[in-house]
PDB file of N, CA and C in Angstrom:
ATOM      1  N   MET A   1       0.661  -1.583   0.122  1.00  0.00           N
ATOM      2  CA  MET A   1      -0.053  -0.401  -0.051  1.00  0.00           C
ATOM      3  C   MET A   1       1.084   1.169   0.220  1.00  0.00           C
ATOM      4  N   ARG A   2       0.715   2.462  -1.059  1.00  0.00           N
ATOM      5  CA  ARG A   2       1.322   3.559  -0.933  1.00  0.00           C
ATOM      6  C   ARG A   2       0.856   4.515   0.021  1.00  0.00           C
ATOM      7  N   ARG A   3       2.066   4.645   0.493  1.00  0.00           N
ATOM      8  CA  ARG A   3       1.657   6.016   1.408  1.00  0.00           C
ATOM      9  C   ARG A   3       1.690   7.462   1.281  1.00  0.00           C
ATOM     10  N   ILE A   4       0.176   8.322   0.815  1.00  0.00           N
ATOM     11  CA  ILE A   4       1.088   9.182   0.550  1.00  0.00           C
ATOM     12  C   ILE A   4       0.617  10.581   1.530  1.00  0.00           C
ATOM     13  N   THR A   5       1.517  11.460   1.610  1.00  0.00           N
ATOM     14  CA  THR A   5       2.048  12.559   2.475  1.00  0.00           C
ATOM     15  C   THR A   5       0.998  13.961   1.822  1.00  0.00           C
ATOM     16  N   VAL A   6       0.342  14.488   2.752  1.00  0.00           N
ATOM     17  CA  VAL A   6      -0.546  15.558   2.370  1.00  0.00           C
ATOM     18  C   VAL A   6       0.525  16.573   2.596  1.00  0.00           C
ATOM     19  N   LEU A   7       0.577  18.021   2.505  1.00  0.00           N
ATOM     20  CA  LEU A   7       0.669  18.860   2.575  1.00  0.00           C
ATOM     21  C   LEU A   7      -0.182  20.451   3.498  1.00  0.00           C
ATOM     22  N   VAL A   8       0.107  20.896   4.368  1.00  0.00           N
ATOM     23  CA  VAL A   8      -1.111  21.289   4.976  1.00  0.00           C
ATOM     24  C   VAL A   8      -0.376  22.455   5.745  1.00  0.00           C
ATOM     25  N   LEU A   9      -0.516  24.075   5.190  1.00  0.00           N
ATOM     26  CA  LEU A   9      -0.387  25.206   5.240  1.00  0.00           C
ATOM     27  C   LEU A   9      -1.578  25.664   5.720  1.00  0.00           C
ATOM     28  N   VAL A  10      -1.021  26.376   7.290  1.00  0.00           N
ATOM     29  CA  VAL A  10      -2.299  26.669   7.961  1.00  0.00           C
ATOM     30  C   VAL A  10      -1.759  28.141   8.722  1.00  0.00           C
ATOM     31  N   LEU A  11      -2.734  28.646   9.038  1.00  0.00           N
ATOM     32  CA  LEU A  11      -2.883  30.019   9.166  1.00  0.00           C
ATOM     33  C   LEU A  11      -3.407  30.587  10.452  1.00  0.00           C
ATOM     34  N   SER A  12      -2.873  30.945  11.096  1.00  0.00           N
ATOM     35  CA  SER A  12      -3.543  30.928  12.433  1.00  0.00           C
ATOM     36  C   SER A  12      -3.938  32.338  12.448  1.00  0.00           C
ATOM     37  N   LEU A  13      -5.217  31.710  13.051  1.00  0.00           N
ATOM     38  CA  LEU A  13      -6.375  33.032  13.830  1.00  0.00           C
ATOM     39  C   LEU A  13      -6.002  34.296  14.016  1.00  0.00           C
ATOM     40  N   SER A  14      -5.248  34.027  14.822  1.00  0.00           N
ATOM     41  CA  SER A  14      -4.460  35.261  15.123  1.00  0.00           C
ATOM     42  C   SER A  14      -4.311  36.229  14.749  1.00  0.00           C
ATOM     43  N   LEU A  15      -4.732  36.413  13.514  1.00  0.00           N
ATOM     44  CA  LEU A  15      -3.711  37.052  12.176  1.00  0.00           C
ATOM     45  C   LEU A  15      -5.203  37.542  12.138  1.00  0.00           C
ATOM     46  N   PHE A  16      -6.190  37.358  12.485  1.00  0.00           N
ATOM     47  CA  PHE A  16      -7.059  37.787  11.794  1.00  0.00           C
ATOM     48  C   PHE A  16      -7.904  38.700  13.260  1.00  0.00           C
ATOM     49  N   GLN A  17      -7.859  37.861  14.305  1.00  0.00           N
ATOM     50  CA  GLN A  17      -7.797  39.096  15.639  1.00  0.00           C
ATOM     51  C   GLN A  17      -6.895  40.172  15.599  1.00  0.00           C
ATOM     52  N   ALA A  18      -6.251  40.801  15.216  1.00  0.00           N
ATOM     53  CA  ALA A  18      -5.979  42.323  15.865  1.00  0.00           C
ATOM     54  C   ALA A  18      -6.324  43.226  14.765  1.00  0.00           C
ATOM     55  N   ALA A  19      -6.614  44.218  15.396  1.00  0.00           N
ATOM     56  CA  ALA A  19      -7.239  45.689  15.286  1.00  0.00           C
ATOM     57  C   ALA A  19      -6.560  46.747  15.424  1.00  0.00           C
ATOM     58  N   PRO A  20      -6.492  47.901  13.776  1.00  0.00           N
ATOM     59  CA  PRO A  20      -7.281  47.300  13.438  1.00  0.00           C
ATOM     60  C   PRO A  20      -7.233  47.151  11.741  1.00  0.00           C
ATOM     61  N   ALA A  21      -8.031  47.274  10.972  1.00  0.00           N
ATOM     62  CA  ALA A  21      -8.024  46.068  10.328  1.00  0.00           C
ATOM     63  C   ALA A  21      -6.785  46.717   9.128  1.00  0.00           C
ATOM     64  N   ARG A  22      -5.979  45.502   9.214  1.00  0.00           N
ATOM     65  CA  ARG A  22      -4.481  45.310   7.883  1.00  0.00           C
ATOM     66  C   ARG A  22      -5.070  44.742   6.495  1.00  0.00           C
ATOM     67  N   THR A  23      -4.052  45.666   5.692  1.00  0.00           N
ATOM     68  CA  THR A  23      -4.264  45.216   3.825  1.00  0.00           C
ATOM     69  C   THR A  23      -3.207  44.077   3.873  1.00  0.00           C
ATOM     70  N   ALA A  24      -3.453  43.438   3.114  1.00  0.00           N
ATOM     71  CA  ALA A  24      -1.996  42.618   2.802  1.00  0.00           C
ATOM     72  C   ALA A  24      -0.402  43.485   2.202  1.00  0.00           C
ATOM     73  N   GLN A  25      -0.305  44.870   2.356  1.00  0.00           N
ATOM     74  CA  GLN A  25       0.524  45.468   2.087  1.00  0.00           C
ATOM     75  C   GLN A  25       1.018  46.215   3.091  1.00  0.00           C
ATOM     76  N   GLY A  26       0.129  46.064   4.047  1.00  0.00           N
ATOM     77  CA  GLY A  26       0.635  46.693   5.577  1.00  0.00           C
ATOM     78  C   GLY A  26      -0.523  47.210   6.660  1.00  0.00           C
ATOM     79  N   ASN A  27      -0.302  48.526   6.785  1.00  0.00           N
ATOM     80  CA  ASN A  27      -1.444  47.965   8.270  1.00  0.00           C
ATOM     81  C   ASN A  27      -3.014  49.238   7.533  1.00  0.00           C
ATOM     82  N   SER A  28      -3.296  49.668   8.573  1.00  0.00           N
ATOM     83  CA  SER A  28      -4.680  50.140   7.903  1.00  0.00           C
ATOM     84  C   SER A  28      -3.950  52.185   7.502  1.00  0.00           C
ATOM     85  N   ASP A  29      -3.106  52.083   7.765  1.00  0.00           N
ATOM     86  CA  ASP A  29      -2.527  53.695   8.211  1.00  0.00           C
ATOM     87  C   ASP A  29      -1.419  53.477   6.580  1.00  0.00           C
ATOM     88  N   GLY A  30      -1.479  52.805   5.895  1.00  0.00           N
ATOM     89  CA  GLY A  30      -0.750  52.539   4.735  1.00  0.00           C
ATOM     90  C   GLY A  30       0.670  51.975   5.002  1.00  0.00           C
ATOM     91  N   ARG A  31       1.044  52.260   6.006  1.00  0.00           N
ATOM     92  CA  ARG A  31       2.697  51.826   6.692  1.00  0.00           C
ATOM     93  C   ARG A  31       2.849  50.304   6.609  1.00  0.00           C
ATOM     94  N   PRO A  32       4.100  49.975   5.577  1.00  0.00           N
ATOM     95  CA  PRO A  32       4.174  48.601   5.399  1.00  0.00           C
ATOM     96  C   PRO A  32       4.387  47.648   6.960  1.00  0.00           C
ATOM     97  N   HIS A  33       4.080  46.273   7.410  1.00  0.00           N
ATOM     98  CA  HIS A  33       4.105  46.119   7.933  1.00  0.00           C
ATOM     99  C   HIS A  33       5.852  45.418   8.520  1.00  0.00           C
ATOM    100  N   SER A  34       6.041  45.923   9.737  1.00  0.00           N
ATOM    101  CA  SER A  34       7.378  45.515  10.087  1.00  0.00           C
ATOM    102  C   SER A  34       7.486  44.445  10.682  1.00  0.00           C
ATOM    103  N   SER A  35       6.515  43.537  11.851  1.00  0.00           N
ATOM    104  CA  SER A  35       7.038  42.441  11.865  1.00  0.00           C
ATOM    105  C   SER A  35       7.264  41.047  11.412  1.00  0.00           C
ATOM    106  N   PRO A  36       8.351  40.149  11.275  1.00  0.00           N
ATOM    107  CA  PRO A  36       7.802  38.839  10.449  1.00  0.00           C
ATOM    108  C   PRO A  36       6.944  37.813  10.599  1.00  0.00           C
ATOM    109  N   LEU A  37       6.286  37.776   9.452  1.00  0.00           N
ATOM    110  CA  LEU A  37       5.619  36.126  10.382  1.00  0.00           C
ATOM    111  C   LEU A  37       6.441  35.079  10.180  1.00  0.00           C
ATOM    112  N   VAL A  38       6.168  34.250  11.424  1.00  0.00           N
ATOM    113  CA  VAL A  38       7.084  33.647  11.682  1.00  0.00           C
ATOM    114  C   VAL A  38       5.872  32.301  11.026  1.00  0.00           C
ATOM    115  N   PHE A  39       6.724  31.051  10.136  1.00  0.00           N
ATOM    116  CA  PHE A  39       6.700  30.207   9.053  1.00  0.00           C
ATOM    117  C   PHE A  39       7.049  28.737   9.983  1.00  0.00           C
ATOM    118  N   ILE A  40       6.223  27.745  10.903  1.00  0.00           N
ATOM    119  CA  ILE A  40       6.913  26.537  11.346  1.00  0.00           C
ATOM    120  C   ILE A  40       6.708  25.867  10.574  1.00  0.00           C
ATOM    121  N   LEU A  41       7.712  24.722  10.992  1.00  0.00           N
ATOM    122  CA  LEU A  41       8.364  23.971   9.482  1.00  0.00           C
ATOM    123  C   LEU A  41       8.542  22.243  10.728  1.00  0.00           C
ATOM    124  N   LEU A  42       7.179  21.391  10.258  1.00  0.00           N
ATOM    125  CA  LEU A  42       7.569  20.108  10.778  1.00  0.00           C
ATOM    126  C   LEU A  42       8.866  19.055  10.720  1.00  0.00           C
ATOM    127  N   PRO A  43      10.085  18.815  11.784  1.00  0.00           N
ATOM    128  CA  PRO A  43      10.694  18.216  11.422  1.00  0.00           C
ATOM    129  C   PRO A  43      11.384  16.883  10.884  1.00  0.00           C
ATOM    130  N   VAL A  44      10.612  16.832   9.582  1.00  0.00           N
ATOM    131  CA  VAL A  44      10.604  16.051   8.433  1.00  0.00           C
ATOM    132  C   VAL A  44      11.985  15.339   8.328  1.00  0.00           C
ATOM    133  N   GLU A  45      12.654  16.496   8.189  1.00  0.00           N
ATOM    134  CA  GLU A  45      13.710  15.984   7.849  1.00  0.00           C
ATOM    135  C   GLU A  45      14.969  16.923   8.115  1.00  0.00           C
ATOM    136  N   ASN A  46      16.156  16.619   8.328  1.00  0.00           N
ATOM    137  CA  ASN A  46      17.893  17.781   8.539  1.00  0.00           C
ATOM    138  C   ASN A  46      17.252  19.093   8.635  1.00  0.00           C
ATOM    139  N   VAL A  47      17.100  19.629   9.426  1.00  0.00           N
ATOM    140  CA  VAL A  47      17.428  21.286   9.549  1.00  0.00           C
ATOM    141  C   VAL A  47      17.983  21.806   8.462  1.00  0.00           C
ATOM    142  N   ALA A  48      19.000  21.385   7.916  1.00  0.00           N
ATOM    143  CA  ALA A  48      19.735  22.383   6.659  1.00  0.00           C
ATOM    144  C   ALA A  48      18.631  22.064   5.344  1.00  0.00           C
ATOM    145  N   VAL A  49      17.940  20.470   5.424  1.00  0.00           N
ATOM    146  CA  VAL A  49      17.321  19.842   4.126  1.00  0.00           C
ATOM    147  C   VAL A  49      15.907  20.761   4.299  1.00  0.00           C
ATOM    148  N   MET A  50      15.055  20.984   5.484  1.00  0.00           N
ATOM    149  CA  MET A  50      14.555  21.942   5.508  1.00  0.00           C
ATOM    150  C   MET A  50      14.475  23.392   5.077  1.00  0.00           C
ATOM    151  N   TYR A  51      15.197  23.831   5.797  1.00  0.00           N
ATOM    152  CA  TYR A  51      15.704  25.239   4.658  1.00  0.00           C
ATOM    153  C   TYR A  51      15.549  25.352   3.455  1.00  0.00           C
ATOM    154  N   GLU A  52      16.658  24.497   2.983  1.00  0.00           N
ATOM    155  CA  GLU A  52      16.446  24.485   1.506  1.00  0.00           C
ATOM    156  C   GLU A  52      15.310  24.169   0.548  1.00  0.00           C
ATOM    157  N   LYS A  53      14.650  23.296   1.010  1.00  0.00           N
ATOM    158  CA  LYS A  53      13.742  23.175   0.369  1.00  0.00           C
ATOM    159  C   LYS A  53      11.818  24.127   0.896  1.00  0.00           C
ATOM    160  N   PHE A  54      12.421  25.002   1.290  1.00  0.00           N
ATOM    161  CA  PHE A  54      11.487  25.960   2.474  1.00  0.00           C
ATOM    162  C   PHE A  54      11.836  27.683   1.756  1.00  0.00           C
ATOM    163  N   LEU A  55      13.061  26.805   0.982  1.00  0.00           N
ATOM    164  CA  LEU A  55      13.361  29.219   1.095  1.00  0.00           C
ATOM    165  C   LEU A  55      13.017  29.341  -0.128  1.00  0.00           C
ATOM    166  N   PRO A  56      12.950  28.664  -1.300  1.00  0.00           N
ATOM    167  CA  PRO A  56      11.448  29.232  -2.667  1.00  0.00           C
ATOM    168  C   PRO A  56      10.314  29.679  -2.143  1.00  0.00           C
ATOM    169  N   LEU A  57       9.763  28.936  -1.576  1.00  0.00           N
ATOM    170  CA  LEU A  57       7.881  29.229  -0.803  1.00  0.00           C
ATOM    171  C   LEU A  57       8.277  30.848  -0.067  1.00  0.00           C
ATOM    172  N   LYS A  58       8.784  30.022   0.865  1.00  0.00           N
ATOM    173  CA  LYS A  58       9.509  31.705   2.183  1.00  0.00           C
ATOM    174  C   LYS A  58       9.565  33.074   1.076  1.00  0.00           C
ATOM    175  N   ALA A  59      10.491  32.419  -0.140  1.00  0.00           N
ATOM    176  CA  ALA A  59      10.497  34.141  -1.124  1.00  0.00           C
ATOM    177  C   ALA A  59       9.416  34.282  -1.917  1.00  0.00           C
ATOM    178  N   PHE A  60       9.238  33.576  -2.152  1.00  0.00           N
ATOM    179  CA  PHE A  60       7.432  33.992  -2.745  1.00  0.00           C
ATOM    180  C   PHE A  60       6.616  34.168  -2.169  1.00  0.00           C
ATOM    181  N   LEU A  61       6.517  33.712  -1.240  1.00  0.00           N
ATOM    182  CA  LEU A  61       5.043  34.696   0.296  1.00  0.00           C
ATOM    183  C   LEU A  61       5.816  36.173   0.594  1.00  0.00           C
ATOM    184  N   GLU A  62       7.047  36.338   0.540  1.00  0.00           N
ATOM    185  CA  GLU A  62       7.517  37.671   1.065  1.00  0.00           C
ATOM    186  C   GLU A  62       7.432  38.250  -0.284  1.00  0.00           C
ATOM    187  N   LYS A  63       7.335  37.924  -1.310  1.00  0.00           N
ATOM    188  CA  LYS A  63       7.142  38.927  -2.913  1.00  0.00           C
ATOM    189  C   LYS A  63       6.053  39.028  -2.619  1.00  0.00           C
ATOM    190  N   GLU A  64       4.935  38.143  -2.900  1.00  0.00           N
ATOM    191  CA  GLU A  64       3.659  38.177  -3.046  1.00  0.00           C
ATOM    192  C   GLU A  64       2.893  39.405  -1.810  1.00  0.00           C
ATOM    193  N   ILE A  65       3.225  38.836  -0.455  1.00  0.00           N
ATOM    194  CA  ILE A  65       1.823  39.763   0.334  1.00  0.00           C
ATOM    195  C   ILE A  65       3.414  41.188   0.922  1.00  0.00           C
ATOM    196  N   GLN A  66       4.665  41.423   0.566  1.00  0.00           N
ATOM    197  CA  GLN A  66       5.789  42.274   0.913  1.00  0.00           C
ATOM    198  C   GLN A  66       5.791  42.795   2.574  1.00  0.00           C
ATOM    199  N   ARG A  67       5.850  40.867   3.029  1.00  0.00           N
ATOM    200  CA  ARG A  67       6.210  41.272   4.466  1.00  0.00           C
ATOM    201  C   ARG A  67       7.180  40.422   4.342  1.00  0.00           C
ATOM    202  N   PRO A  68       8.421  40.289   5.599  1.00  0.00           N
ATOM    203  CA  PRO A  68       9.342  39.180   5.797  1.00  0.00           C
ATOM    204  C   PRO A  68       8.475  38.156   6.664  1.00  0.00           C
ATOM    205  N   ILE A  69       9.239  36.720   6.446  1.00  0.00           N
ATOM    206  CA  ILE A  69       8.661  35.690   6.540  1.00  0.00           C
ATOM    207  C   ILE A  69       9.963  34.780   7.688  1.00  0.00           C
ATOM    208  N   VAL A  70       9.980  34.911   8.692  1.00  0.00           N
ATOM    209  CA  VAL A  70      11.029  34.137   9.293  1.00  0.00           C
ATOM    210  C   VAL A  70      10.649  32.252   9.169  1.00  0.00           C
ATOM    211  N   LEU A  71      11.421  31.437   8.918  1.00  0.00           N
ATOM    212  CA  LEU A  71      11.331  30.102   9.198  1.00  0.00           C
ATOM    213  C   LEU A  71      12.153  29.382   9.961  1.00  0.00           C
ATOM    214  N   LYS A  72      11.350  28.584  10.786  1.00  0.00           N
ATOM    215  CA  LYS A  72      11.185  27.839  11.664  1.00  0.00           C
ATOM    216  C   LYS A  72      11.083  26.454  11.863  1.00  0.00           C
ATOM    217  N   VAL A  73      12.565  25.750  12.157  1.00  0.00           N
ATOM    218  CA  VAL A  73      11.722  24.452  12.018  1.00  0.00           C
ATOM    219  C   VAL A  73      11.950  23.703  13.345  1.00  0.00           C
ATOM    220  N   ALA A  74      10.861  22.986  13.536  1.00  0.00           N
ATOM    221  CA  ALA A  74      10.542  22.943  15.208  1.00  0.00           C
ATOM    222  C   ALA A  74      11.299  21.776  15.875  1.00  0.00           C
ATOM    223  N   ARG A  75      11.745  21.298  16.787  1.00  0.00           N
ATOM    224  CA  ARG A  75      11.980  20.734  17.639  1.00  0.00           C
ATOM    225  C   ARG A  75      11.042  19.115  16.968  1.00  0.00           C
ATOM    226  N   ASN A  76       9.950  19.441  17.742  1.00  0.00           N
ATOM    227  CA  ASN A  76       9.435  18.109  17.384  1.00  0.00           C
ATOM    228  C   ASN A  76       7.855  18.262  17.225  1.00  0.00           C
ATOM    229  N   TYR A  77       6.829  17.800  16.664  1.00  0.00           N
ATOM    230  CA  TYR A  77       5.736  17.430  16.445  1.00  0.00           C
ATOM    231  C   TYR A  77       4.892  18.561  17.680  1.00  0.00           C
ATOM    232  N   GLU A  78       5.084  18.337  18.485  1.00  0.00           N
ATOM    233  CA  GLU A  78       3.958  19.321  19.541  1.00  0.00           C
ATOM    234  C   GLU A  78       4.970  20.911  19.785  1.00  0.00           C
ATOM    235  N   GLU A  79       5.813  20.963  19.277  1.00  0.00           N
ATOM    236  CA  GLU A  79       6.069  22.078  19.109  1.00  0.00           C
ATOM    237  C   GLU A  79       5.524  23.335  17.961  1.00  0.00           C
ATOM    238  N   ALA A  80       5.561  22.291  16.997  1.00  0.00           N
ATOM    239  CA  ALA A  80       5.214  22.589  16.227  1.00  0.00           C
ATOM    240  C   ALA A  80       3.301  22.920  15.705  1.00  0.00           C
ATOM    241  N   ILE A  81       2.784  21.706  16.722  1.00  0.00           N
ATOM    242  CA  ILE A  81       1.187  22.498  16.759  1.00  0.00           C
ATOM    243  C   ILE A  81       1.210  23.687  18.022  1.00  0.00           C
ATOM    244  N   GLU A  82       1.803  23.623  19.183  1.00  0.00           N
ATOM    245  CA  GLU A  82       1.464  24.779  20.226  1.00  0.00           C
ATOM    246  C   GLU A  82       1.861  25.766  19.396  1.00  0.00           C
ATOM    247  N   SER A  83       3.218  25.609  18.394  1.00  0.00           N
ATOM    248  CA  SER A  83       3.406  27.516  17.750  1.00  0.00           C
ATOM    249  C   SER A  83       1.956  28.142  16.753  1.00  0.00           C
ATOM    250  N   ILE A  84       1.349  27.084  16.647  1.00  0.00           N
ATOM    251  CA  ILE A  84       0.272  27.437  15.516  1.00  0.00           C
ATOM    252  C   ILE A  84      -0.491  28.044  16.281  1.00  0.00           C
ATOM    253  N   GLY A  85      -0.685  27.009  16.910  1.00  0.00           N
ATOM    254  CA  GLY A  85      -2.062  26.905  17.952  1.00  0.00           C
ATOM    255  C   GLY A  85      -2.623  28.437  18.797  1.00  0.00           C
ATOM    256  N   THR A  86      -1.133  29.202  19.365  1.00  0.00           N
ATOM    257  CA  THR A  86      -1.067  29.848  20.519  1.00  0.00           C
ATOM    258  C   THR A  86      -0.424  31.270  20.072  1.00  0.00           C
ATOM    259  N   GLY A  87      -0.207  30.500  18.376  1.00  0.00           N
ATOM    260  CA  GLY A  87       0.254  32.119  17.837  1.00  0.00           C
ATOM    261  C   GLY A  87       1.148  32.693  17.580  1.00  0.00           C
ATOM    262  N   ARG A  88       2.382  31.529  18.008  1.00  0.00           N
ATOM    263  CA  ARG A  88       3.981  31.790  18.171  1.00  0.00           C
ATOM    264  C   ARG A  88       4.451  32.515  16.770  1.00  0.00           C
ATOM    265  N   ALA A  89       4.037  31.183  15.799  1.00  0.00           N
ATOM    266  CA  ALA A  89       4.111  31.112  14.333  1.00  0.00           C
ATOM    267  C   ALA A  89       2.521  31.149  13.684  1.00  0.00           C
ATOM    268  N   GLN A  90       2.671  32.246  12.539  1.00  0.00           N
ATOM    269  CA  GLN A  90       1.188  32.530  11.939  1.00  0.00           C
ATOM    270  C   GLN A  90       1.382  31.267  10.253  1.00  0.00           C
ATOM    271  N   LEU A  91       2.340  30.911   9.926  1.00  0.00           N
ATOM    272  CA  LEU A  91       1.872  29.732   9.190  1.00  0.00           C
ATOM    273  C   LEU A  91       2.554  28.464   9.912  1.00  0.00           C
ATOM    274  N   ALA A  92       2.408  27.436   9.156  1.00  0.00           N
ATOM    275  CA  ALA A  92       3.093  26.410   9.708  1.00  0.00           C
ATOM    276  C   ALA A  92       3.114  25.010   8.624  1.00  0.00           C
ATOM    277  N   TYR A  93       3.954  24.396   8.219  1.00  0.00           N
ATOM    278  CA  TYR A  93       4.004  22.921   7.261  1.00  0.00           C
ATOM    279  C   TYR A  93       3.909  22.076   8.499  1.00  0.00           C
ATOM    280  N   LEU A  94       2.512  21.166   7.924  1.00  0.00           N
ATOM    281  CA  LEU A  94       1.806  20.520   8.523  1.00  0.00           C
ATOM    282  C   LEU A  94       1.655  19.090   8.365  1.00  0.00           C
ATOM    283  N   ASP A  95       1.916  17.854   8.507  1.00  0.00           N
ATOM    284  CA  ASP A  95       1.250  16.762   8.037  1.00  0.00           C
ATOM    285  C   ASP A  95      -0.212  16.577   8.487  1.00  0.00           C
ATOM    286  N   PRO A  96      -0.851  15.684   7.610  1.00  0.00           N
ATOM    287  CA  PRO A  96      -2.728  15.640   8.266  1.00  0.00           C
ATOM    288  C   PRO A  96      -2.618  15.225  10.049  1.00  0.00           C
ATOM    289  N   SER A  97      -1.585  14.614  10.425  1.00  0.00           N
ATOM    290  CA  SER A  97      -1.898  13.611  11.815  1.00  0.00           C
ATOM    291  C   SER A  97      -1.364  15.035  12.537  1.00  0.00           C
ATOM    292  N   ALA A  98      -0.662  16.064  12.274  1.00  0.00           N
ATOM    293  CA  ALA A  98      -0.073  17.447  13.186  1.00  0.00           C
ATOM    294  C   ALA A  98      -1.102  18.084  13.057  1.00  0.00           C
ATOM    295  N   TYR A  99      -1.884  18.188  12.207  1.00  0.00           N
ATOM    296  CA  TYR A  99      -3.049  19.147  11.354  1.00  0.00           C
ATOM    297  C   TYR A  99      -4.108  18.214  12.003  1.00  0.00           C
ATOM    298  N   CYS A 100      -4.840  17.635  11.748  1.00  0.00           N
ATOM    299  CA  CYS A 100      -5.778  17.397  12.979  1.00  0.00           C
ATOM    300  C   CYS A 100      -5.519  17.507  14.530  1.00  0.00           C
ATOM    301  N   GLU A 101      -4.520  17.310  14.775  1.00  0.00           N
ATOM    302  CA  GLU A 101      -4.556  17.537  16.254  1.00  0.00           C
ATOM    303  C   GLU A 101      -4.446  19.159  16.055  1.00  0.00           C
ATOM    304  N   ALA A 102      -3.701  20.142  16.048  1.00  0.00           N
ATOM    305  CA  ALA A 102      -3.720  21.075  15.314  1.00  0.00           C
ATOM    306  C   ALA A 102      -5.318  21.698  15.633  1.00  0.00           C
ATOM    307  N   ARG A 103      -5.837  21.175  14.606  1.00  0.00           N
ATOM    308  CA  ARG A 103      -7.531  21.728  14.474  1.00  0.00           C
ATOM    309  C   ARG A 103      -8.417  21.425  15.440  1.00  0.00           C
ATOM    310  N   LYS A 104      -8.230  20.693  16.348  1.00  0.00           N
ATOM    311  CA  LYS A 104      -9.189  19.879  17.190  1.00  0.00           C
ATOM    312  C   LYS A 104      -8.926  20.857  18.896  1.00  0.00           C
ATOM    313  N   ARG A 105      -7.012  20.941  18.745  1.00  0.00           N
ATOM    314  CA  ARG A 105      -7.015  21.952  19.779  1.00  0.00           C
ATOM    315  C   ARG A 105      -7.590  23.081  19.722  1.00  0.00           C
ATOM    316  N   TYR A 106      -6.421  23.893  18.444  1.00  0.00           N
ATOM    317  CA  TYR A 106      -6.999  25.270  18.770  1.00  0.00           C
ATOM    318  C   TYR A 106      -7.393  25.646  17.940  1.00  0.00           C
ATOM    319  N   LYS A 107      -8.390  25.133  16.817  1.00  0.00           N
ATOM    320  CA  LYS A 107      -9.298  25.637  15.596  1.00  0.00           C
ATOM    321  C   LYS A 107      -8.611  26.267  14.334  1.00  0.00           C
ATOM    322  N   VAL A 108      -7.106  25.358  14.269  1.00  0.00           N
ATOM    323  CA  VAL A 108      -6.159  26.171  12.749  1.00  0.00           C
ATOM    324  C   VAL A 108      -7.623  25.890  11.665  1.00  0.00           C
ATOM    325  N   ILE A 109      -6.879  26.467  11.133  1.00  0.00           N
ATOM    326  CA  ILE A 109      -7.576  26.572   9.877  1.00  0.00           C
ATOM    327  C   ILE A 109      -7.017  26.243   8.341  1.00  0.00           C
ATOM    328  N   PRO A 110      -7.150  25.612   7.251  1.00  0.00           N
ATOM    329  CA  PRO A 110      -6.357  25.578   6.021  1.00  0.00           C
ATOM    330  C   PRO A 110      -5.962  26.664   5.491  1.00  0.00           C
ATOM    331  N   LEU A 111      -4.530  26.688   5.234  1.00  0.00           N
ATOM    332  CA  LEU A 111      -4.541  28.175   3.717  1.00  0.00           C
ATOM    333  C   LEU A 111      -4.400  27.503   2.486  1.00  0.00           C
ATOM    334  N   ARG A 112      -3.758  25.878   2.647  1.00  0.00           N
ATOM    335  CA  ARG A 112      -3.347  25.403   0.829  1.00  0.00           C
ATOM    336  C   ARG A 112      -3.319  23.564   1.876  1.00  0.00           C
ATOM    337  N   GLU A 113      -4.270  23.081   0.403  1.00  0.00           N
ATOM    338  CA  GLU A 113      -3.779  21.794   0.899  1.00  0.00           C
ATOM    339  C   GLU A 113      -3.376  21.178  -0.117  1.00  0.00           C
ATOM    340  N   ARG A 114      -2.180  20.254  -0.452  1.00  0.00           N
ATOM    341  CA  ARG A 114      -2.145  19.778  -1.588  1.00  0.00           C
ATOM    342  C   ARG A 114      -3.063  18.683  -2.171  1.00  0.00           C
ATOM    343  N   SER A 115      -2.975  18.444  -3.373  1.00  0.00           N
ATOM    344  CA  SER A 115      -3.843  17.726  -4.034  1.00  0.00           C
ATOM    345  C   SER A 115      -3.219  16.892  -4.403  1.00  0.00           C
ATOM    346  N   PHE A 116      -3.959  15.720  -4.950  1.00  0.00           N
ATOM    347  CA  PHE A 116      -3.655  14.662  -5.961  1.00  0.00           C
ATOM    348  C   PHE A 116      -4.083  14.022  -6.735  1.00  0.00           C
ATOM    349  N   PRO A 117      -3.846  14.040  -8.282  1.00  0.00           N
ATOM    350  CA  PRO A 117      -4.450  13.918  -9.080  1.00  0.00           C
ATOM    351  C   PRO A 117      -5.191  12.151  -9.126  1.00  0.00           C
ATOM    352  N   VAL A 118      -6.294  12.118  -9.684  1.00  0.00           N
ATOM    353  CA  VAL A 118      -6.605  10.334  -8.754  1.00  0.00           C
ATOM    354  C   VAL A 118      -6.615  10.244 -10.337  1.00  0.00           C
ATOM    355  N   ARG A 119      -5.820   8.566  -9.950  1.00  0.00           N
ATOM    356  CA  ARG A 119      -5.057   7.800 -11.177  1.00  0.00           C
ATOM    357  C   ARG A 119      -6.606   6.565 -11.143  1.00  0.00           C
ATOM    358  N   ARG A 120      -6.817   6.247 -12.572  1.00  0.00           N
ATOM    359  CA  ARG A 120      -7.550   5.532 -12.729  1.00  0.00           C
ATOM    360  C   ARG A 120      -6.771   4.552 -13.619  1.00  0.00           C
ATOM    361  N   PRO A 121      -7.501   2.648 -13.241  1.00  0.00           N
ATOM    362  CA  PRO A 121      -6.931   2.012 -13.803  1.00  0.00           C
ATOM    363  C   PRO A 121      -7.107   2.028 -14.857  1.00  0.00           C
ATOM    364  N   THR A 122      -6.143   1.760 -15.691  1.00  0.00           N
ATOM    365  CA  THR A 122      -5.966   1.689 -17.585  1.00  0.00           C
ATOM    366  C   THR A 122      -6.826   0.479 -17.999  1.00  0.00           C
ATOM    367  N   GLY A 123      -8.003   0.497 -19.228  1.00  0.00           N
ATOM    368  CA  GLY A 123      -8.369  -0.424 -19.495  1.00  0.00           C
ATOM    369  C   GLY A 123      -9.564  -0.735 -18.396  1.00  0.00           C
ATOM    370  N   VAL A 124      -9.927   0.171 -17.786  1.00  0.00           N
ATOM    371  CA  VAL A 124     -11.258  -0.659 -17.150  1.00  0.00           C
ATOM    372  C   VAL A 124     -12.590   0.698 -18.003  1.00  0.00           C
TER     373      VAL A 124
END
């Protein structure tokens, strides 16, 4: 049986709880955001490999939202779940079980889920 890994990025609800209203480019007064967003990563590989894999996504997101992002590899699953759930991190890379736990405990919401095409057997 083939195991499929699902990528789930979650967005902390703390981003939506801050007032006054903010735009993607800055605060309500038009100034750019100065504090970086923290992107917590599950420790599924060597720390250096994790950084290397996520640097392109970090660069893309920083360009799109015009806000700095700090990548942080969690020491363990619990730290990743707690970081996104308590607002210490605003973005997270979680596997399905960590996402389910974060959703159950902290009501986190998915920002993006990786989708896989359904492969149908040939000749059927």
